[in-house]
Amino acid sequence: MRAYNLKFAYQGIELENELSLLIPCNVIDYVDNSDNTIVAAVDPVKSLGLSNNKDIDPVGEEIFNRLTNVIESI
């Protein structure tokens, strides 16, 4: 699955040119050995934090909140 949000990508790339290397947009889902459905995503705060540009932190936090809301609603 893809959870790409063009608005956040553009906002981040404006702050850091090479940020597209770190954009967290992959979400996975699978059924484990106990027949539980697992949905997971890369932590955008950690991923975007690799840029060392503190101006990007709010973007990562907003993506984290949105991904968490979606995953918890499943």
C-alpha atoms as a PDB file:
ATOM      1  CA  MET A   1       0.000   0.000   0.000  1.00  0.00           C
ATOM      2  CA  ARG A   2       1.016   3.588  -0.427  1.00  0.00           C
ATOM      3  CA  ALA A   3       0.119   6.415   1.961  1.00  0.00           C
ATOM      4  CA  TYR A   4       1.693   9.192  -0.056  1.00  0.00           C
ATOM      5  CA  ASN A   5       0.464  12.742   0.564  1.00  0.00           C
ATOM      6  CA  LEU A   6       1.613  15.228  -2.055  1.00  0.00           C
ATOM      7  CA  LYS A   7       1.013  18.228   0.229  1.00  0.00           C
ATOM      8  CA  PHE A   8       3.382  16.901   2.902  1.00  0.00           C
ATOM      9  CA  ALA A   9       5.939  15.773   0.328  1.00  0.00           C
ATOM     10  CA  TYR A  10       6.039  19.225  -1.255  1.00  0.00           C
ATOM     11  CA  GLN A  11       6.181  20.936   2.147  1.00  0.00           C
ATOM     12  CA  GLY A  12       9.104  18.773   3.223  1.00  0.00           C
ATOM     13  CA  ILE A  13      11.028  18.986  -0.038  1.00  0.00           C
ATOM     14  CA  GLU A  14      10.778  22.773   0.090  1.00  0.00           C
ATOM     15  CA  LEU A  15      12.596  22.615   3.446  1.00  0.00           C
ATOM     16  CA  GLU A  16      15.154  19.971   2.431  1.00  0.00           C
ATOM     17  CA  ASN A  17      15.975  19.259  -1.226  1.00  0.00           C
ATOM     18  CA  GLU A  18      16.965  15.616  -0.751  1.00  0.00           C
ATOM     19  CA  LEU A  19      14.099  14.795   1.587  1.00  0.00           C
ATOM     20  CA  SER A  20      12.405  12.610  -1.024  1.00  0.00           C
ATOM     21  CA  LEU A  21      14.935   9.941  -0.075  1.00  0.00           C
ATOM     22  CA  LEU A  22      13.353   9.785   3.394  1.00  0.00           C
ATOM     23  CA  ILE A  23       9.649  10.340   2.735  1.00  0.00           C
ATOM     24  CA  PRO A  24       7.697   7.692   4.634  1.00  0.00           C
ATOM     25  CA  CYS A  25       4.899   6.542   2.376  1.00  0.00           C
ATOM     26  CA  ASN A  26       4.904   2.769   2.604  1.00  0.00           C
ATOM     27  CA  VAL A  27       2.320   0.971   4.656  1.00  0.00           C
ATOM     28  CA  ILE A  28       2.277  -2.800   4.920  1.00  0.00           C
ATOM     29  CA  ASP A  29      -0.407  -5.244   5.891  1.00  0.00           C
ATOM     30  CA  TYR A  30      -0.193  -8.974   6.416  1.00  0.00           C
ATOM     31  CA  VAL A  31      -1.733 -11.840   8.364  1.00  0.00           C
ATOM     32  CA  ASP A  32       0.535 -13.310  11.021  1.00  0.00           C
ATOM     33  CA  ASN A  33       0.758 -16.956  12.137  1.00  0.00           C
ATOM     34  CA  SER A  34      -2.125 -16.440  14.581  1.00  0.00           C
ATOM     35  CA  ASP A  35      -4.445 -15.119  11.831  1.00  0.00           C
ATOM     36  CA  ASN A  36      -4.163 -11.529  13.105  1.00  0.00           C
ATOM     37  CA  THR A  37      -4.089  -8.803  10.485  1.00  0.00           C
ATOM     38  CA  ILE A  38      -1.110  -6.524  11.035  1.00  0.00           C
ATOM     39  CA  VAL A  39      -0.902  -3.007   9.571  1.00  0.00           C
ATOM     40  CA  ALA A  40       2.345  -1.085  10.010  1.00  0.00           C
ATOM     41  CA  ALA A  41       4.172   1.959   8.665  1.00  0.00           C
ATOM     42  CA  VAL A  42       7.593   3.528   8.966  1.00  0.00           C
ATOM     43  CA  ASP A  43       7.779   6.050  11.818  1.00  0.00           C
ATOM     44  CA  PRO A  44       7.862   9.354   9.905  1.00  0.00           C
ATOM     45  CA  VAL A  45       9.299  11.271  12.863  1.00  0.00           C
ATOM     46  CA  LYS A  46      12.336   8.971  12.939  1.00  0.00           C
ATOM     47  CA  SER A  47      12.629   8.738   9.170  1.00  0.00           C
ATOM     48  CA  LEU A  48      12.429  12.476   8.530  1.00  0.00           C
ATOM     49  CA  GLY A  49      14.607  13.107  11.588  1.00  0.00           C
ATOM     50  CA  LEU A  50      17.520  11.664   9.630  1.00  0.00           C
ATOM     51  CA  SER A  51      17.656  14.950   7.719  1.00  0.00           C
ATOM     52  CA  ASN A  52      18.860  16.872  10.808  1.00  0.00           C
ATOM     53  CA  ASN A  53      16.642  19.770   9.712  1.00  0.00           C
ATOM     54  CA  LYS A  54      14.456  20.638  12.711  1.00  0.00           C
ATOM     55  CA  ASP A  55      12.048  22.609  10.494  1.00  0.00           C
ATOM     56  CA  ILE A  56      10.827  19.257   9.155  1.00  0.00           C
ATOM     57  CA  ASP A  57       9.884  17.886  12.595  1.00  0.00           C
ATOM     58  CA  PRO A  58       6.306  19.281  12.498  1.00  0.00           C
ATOM     59  CA  VAL A  59       5.735  17.637   9.109  1.00  0.00           C
ATOM     60  CA  GLY A  60       6.847  14.262  10.490  1.00  0.00           C
ATOM     61  CA  GLU A  61       4.662  14.685  13.558  1.00  0.00           C
ATOM     62  CA  GLU A  62       1.590  15.477  11.454  1.00  0.00           C
ATOM     63  CA  ILE A  63       2.200  12.465   9.215  1.00  0.00           C
ATOM     64  CA  PHE A  64       2.699  10.293  12.319  1.00  0.00           C
ATOM     65  CA  ASN A  65      -0.616  11.465  13.791  1.00  0.00           C
ATOM     66  CA  ARG A  66      -2.493  10.826  10.553  1.00  0.00           C
ATOM     67  CA  LEU A  67      -0.963   7.396   9.984  1.00  0.00           C
ATOM     68  CA  THR A  68      -1.674   6.428  13.594  1.00  0.00           C
ATOM     69  CA  ASN A  69      -5.321   7.486  13.247  1.00  0.00           C
ATOM     70  CA  VAL A  70      -5.743   5.468  10.055  1.00  0.00           C
ATOM     71  CA  ILE A  71      -4.038   2.346  11.434  1.00  0.00           C
ATOM     72  CA  GLU A  72      -6.013   2.497  14.684  1.00  0.00           C
ATOM     73  CA  SER A  73      -9.287   2.820  12.791  1.00  0.00           C
ATOM     74  CA  ILE A  74      -8.733  -0.433  10.898  1.00  0.00           C
END
